[in-house]
Protein backbone atom coordinates (compact mmCIF):
# COMPACT_ATOMS: atom_id res chain seq x y z
CA MET A 1 22.71 -6.63 -8.89
CA ILE A 2 18.94 -5.49 -7.76
CA LEU A 3 19.25 -1.69 -6.82
CA PRO A 4 15.73 -1.55 -4.93
CA HIS A 5 15.92 1.97 -4.28
CA CYS A 6 16.71 4.12 -6.91
CA THR A 7 14.19 6.40 -7.83
CA ASN A 8 12.80 6.61 -11.16
CA ALA A 9 14.69 10.11 -11.87
CA GLN A 10 17.63 8.11 -10.75
CA TYR A 11 17.18 4.61 -12.91
CA HIS A 12 16.42 6.89 -15.95
CA ALA A 13 20.33 8.54 -15.39
CA ARG A 14 22.25 5.44 -15.71
CA SER A 15 24.63 4.16 -18.02
CA GLU A 16 23.50 0.69 -18.75
CA ILE A 17 20.80 -0.33 -21.83
CA SER A 18 17.46 -0.48 -20.95
CA ALA A 19 15.28 -2.83 -21.77
CA SER A 20 13.24 -0.34 -23.76
CA GLY A 21 16.70 0.48 -25.13
CA LEU A 22 17.05 -2.73 -26.47
CA ALA A 23 13.77 -2.73 -28.12
CA LEU A 24 13.50 0.03 -30.39
CA PHE A 25 17.57 -1.48 -31.58
CA ALA A 26 16.19 -4.58 -32.19
CA ARG A 27 13.42 -2.38 -34.31
CA SER A 28 16.46 -0.47 -35.81
CA PRO A 29 20.03 1.10 -34.13
CA ALA A 30 18.65 3.70 -35.78
CA HIS A 31 15.32 3.77 -33.87
CA PHE A 32 17.93 3.29 -30.98
CA ARG A 33 19.67 6.34 -32.23
CA ALA A 34 16.77 9.21 -32.26
CA ASN A 35 14.72 7.97 -29.17
CA ALA A 36 11.72 6.83 -31.19
CA SER A 37 8.67 6.10 -29.53
CA THR A 38 4.40 5.17 -30.62
CA ILE A 39 3.30 6.56 -27.65
CA GLY A 40 1.13 9.33 -26.96
CA ALA A 41 1.98 11.55 -24.31
CA ASP A 42 -2.39 10.88 -22.66
CA ILE A 43 -1.49 6.81 -22.76
CA ALA A 44 1.34 7.26 -21.37
CA ARG A 45 0.13 10.07 -18.36
CA ILE A 46 -3.52 6.78 -18.30
CA GLY A 47 -0.39 3.90 -18.17
CA THR A 48 1.09 5.95 -15.59
CA ALA A 49 -1.82 6.22 -13.87
CA VAL A 50 -3.48 2.74 -14.14
CA HIS A 51 0.63 1.24 -12.66
CA ASP A 52 0.13 3.84 -9.53
CA ALA A 53 -3.54 2.19 -8.53
CA VAL A 54 -2.15 -0.56 -9.38
CA LEU A 55 0.94 -1.32 -7.70
CA GLU A 56 1.53 1.62 -5.32
CA GLY A 57 -2.17 2.12 -3.78
CA GLY A 58 -2.66 5.60 -6.35
CA GLY A 59 -1.24 8.16 -3.76
CA ALA A 60 0.30 9.87 -7.09
CA LEU A 61 -3.12 10.76 -8.31
CA LEU A 62 -5.02 12.86 -7.67
CA ASP A 63 -8.58 14.29 -8.54
CA ALA A 64 -9.24 17.22 -10.81
CA PRO A 65 -12.91 18.98 -10.43
CA GLY A 66 -15.77 19.02 -13.27
CA TRP A 67 -14.28 22.57 -14.74
CA GLY A 68 -14.05 24.89 -17.05
CA ARG A 69 -11.02 25.97 -17.93
CA ARG A 70 -11.62 29.66 -20.39
CA SER A 71 -12.89 31.75 -18.51
CA LYS A 72 -11.87 34.28 -16.40
CA ASP A 73 -13.45 32.86 -13.45
CA ASP A 74 -11.96 29.27 -14.57
CA ARG A 75 -8.93 29.85 -14.33
CA ALA A 76 -9.22 31.85 -11.36
CA ALA A 77 -10.81 28.53 -9.30
CA TRP A 78 -7.20 26.45 -10.47
CA SER A 79 -5.20 28.43 -10.00
CA ALA A 80 -6.33 28.64 -5.95
CA TRP A 81 -6.69 24.27 -6.19
CA PHE A 82 -3.58 23.84 -7.58
CA ALA A 83 -2.30 26.59 -5.63
CA GLU A 84 -4.48 24.45 -2.54
CA HIS A 85 -2.78 20.92 -4.37
CA GLY A 86 0.53 21.94 -4.01
CA GLY A 87 1.13 23.62 -7.72
CA GLY A 88 1.91 26.87 -6.38
CA ASP A 89 0.15 30.61 -6.87
CA ASP A 90 1.07 31.17 -10.11
CA LEU A 91 1.08 27.69 -12.02
CA VAL A 92 -1.83 29.25 -14.06
CA GLU A 93 0.46 31.83 -15.49
CA THR A 94 3.06 30.45 -15.82
CA ALA A 95 1.99 27.33 -17.89
CA GLY A 96 -0.20 29.17 -19.21
CA ALA A 97 -1.92 27.17 -22.25
CA ALA A 98 -4.44 25.14 -20.73
CA ASP A 99 -3.41 22.39 -21.20
CA ALA A 100 0.13 22.52 -19.78
CA TRP A 101 -1.91 23.17 -16.46
CA PHE A 102 -1.85 19.34 -15.43
CA ALA A 103 1.67 18.43 -16.76
CA LEU A 104 3.29 21.88 -15.19
CA PHE A 105 1.70 20.76 -11.93
CA GLU A 106 2.37 17.35 -12.66
CA GLN A 107 6.28 18.46 -12.92
CA ARG A 108 6.18 20.34 -9.20
CA THR A 109 4.20 17.95 -6.94
CA GLY A 110 5.43 14.81 -8.83
CA LYS A 111 0.79 13.81 -8.03
CA LEU A 112 -0.52 12.93 -11.12
CA VAL A 113 -4.12 14.53 -12.05
CA LEU A 114 -6.73 12.99 -13.35
CA ARG A 115 -9.76 14.86 -14.93
CA PRO A 116 -13.37 13.03 -13.43
CA ASP A 117 -13.71 11.05 -17.68
CA GLU A 118 -10.14 9.37 -17.52
CA ARG A 119 -10.43 8.60 -12.87
CA VAL A 120 -13.40 6.26 -13.95
CA GLN A 121 -11.23 4.78 -17.54
CA VAL A 122 -7.83 3.90 -14.66
CA ASP A 123 -9.66 2.79 -11.76
CA ALA A 124 -12.13 0.44 -14.26
CA MET A 125 -8.33 -0.72 -15.63
CA ALA A 126 -6.94 -1.53 -12.34
CA ALA A 127 -9.69 -3.84 -10.82
CA SER A 128 -9.69 -4.97 -13.66
CA VAL A 129 -5.90 -6.31 -13.77
CA ARG A 130 -6.19 -6.69 -9.61
CA SER A 131 -9.44 -9.47 -10.29
CA HIS A 132 -7.54 -11.20 -12.28
CA PRO A 133 -6.21 -13.97 -9.97
CA ARG A 134 -2.61 -15.37 -11.30
CA VAL A 135 -1.57 -11.05 -10.73
CA ALA A 136 -4.07 -10.83 -7.50
CA GLU A 137 -1.79 -13.93 -6.37
CA ILE A 138 1.12 -12.38 -6.67
CA LEU A 139 0.66 -8.80 -5.69
CA ALA A 140 -0.58 -10.17 -2.37
CA ALA A 141 3.05 -12.28 -2.40
CA PRO A 142 4.55 -10.91 0.49
CA GLY A 143 7.93 -9.21 -0.50
CA GLY A 144 6.93 -8.28 -3.87
CA VAL A 145 8.15 -4.59 -4.96
CA ALA A 146 7.04 -2.07 -7.69
CA GLU A 147 9.02 -0.72 -9.20
CA CYS A 148 12.69 -2.02 -8.42
CA SER A 149 15.61 -1.43 -11.26
CA ILE A 150 17.63 -4.26 -11.85
CA VAL A 151 20.94 -3.35 -13.29
CA GLY A 152 23.78 -6.50 -14.62
CA GLU A 153 25.19 -8.08 -18.05
CA LEU A 154 24.04 -9.38 -20.94
CA HIS A 155 26.73 -10.93 -23.79
CA GLY A 156 29.17 -8.31 -22.79
CA VAL A 157 26.15 -5.69 -22.64
CA ALA A 158 25.79 -3.37 -19.33
CA VAL A 159 21.82 -2.99 -18.78
CA ARG A 160 18.77 -2.19 -16.92
CA CYS A 161 15.66 -2.83 -16.61
CA ARG A 162 12.68 -1.95 -13.93
CA PRO A 163 10.16 -4.43 -13.50
CA ASP A 164 6.50 -3.49 -12.04
CA TRP A 165 6.50 -6.10 -10.11
CA LEU A 166 9.33 -8.24 -8.38
CA VAL A 167 8.51 -10.92 -6.08
CA PRO A 168 11.57 -12.21 -5.15
CA ASP A 169 11.00 -15.75 -4.02
CA LEU A 170 6.83 -17.44 -4.82
CA ASP A 171 6.08 -20.46 -2.68
CA GLY A 172 9.44 -21.70 -3.54
CA HIS A 173 9.68 -21.35 -6.65
CA GLY A 174 12.30 -18.83 -7.96
CA PRO A 175 11.53 -15.25 -8.90
CA VAL A 176 8.42 -14.19 -10.12
CA VAL A 177 8.15 -10.57 -12.33
CA LEU A 178 5.40 -8.54 -13.50
CA ASP A 179 6.11 -5.83 -16.18
């Protein structure tokens, strides 16, 4: 069953085993129990940003200034910037270490903050994906949906997946999934 309006939080709260969970279980039941992930936080952030840029128009991305983060003046400038962009005027003090600022901002606002060097990487990767002729065709197909949740049963096991892009019917040839 397709759940087109299921949010990411709702999807992850569901009880079915996910495609990622099945992959971990295939590695070993211990990996599944430990929910072991080999993807680092920075890699996951960049992947999320590319995903948003390619599939959802980049609306959840926000470019951070290239300021320092150590001096009192730097901290004051960042505090004002976060407040101006909806993160609250207490973010710098609440988060403490500068490395935690972006994560707290993202948690509060749902916006992913990119440093200038990260923006260059994200734009290059997104342009590369969009320039592939077949991918461009699939992304332009009518009826395509980003982040559509799908639930069902596989050999008696309740499963779920959330493909990046789903086209219900591509040129009369049936559904196509990009993930």
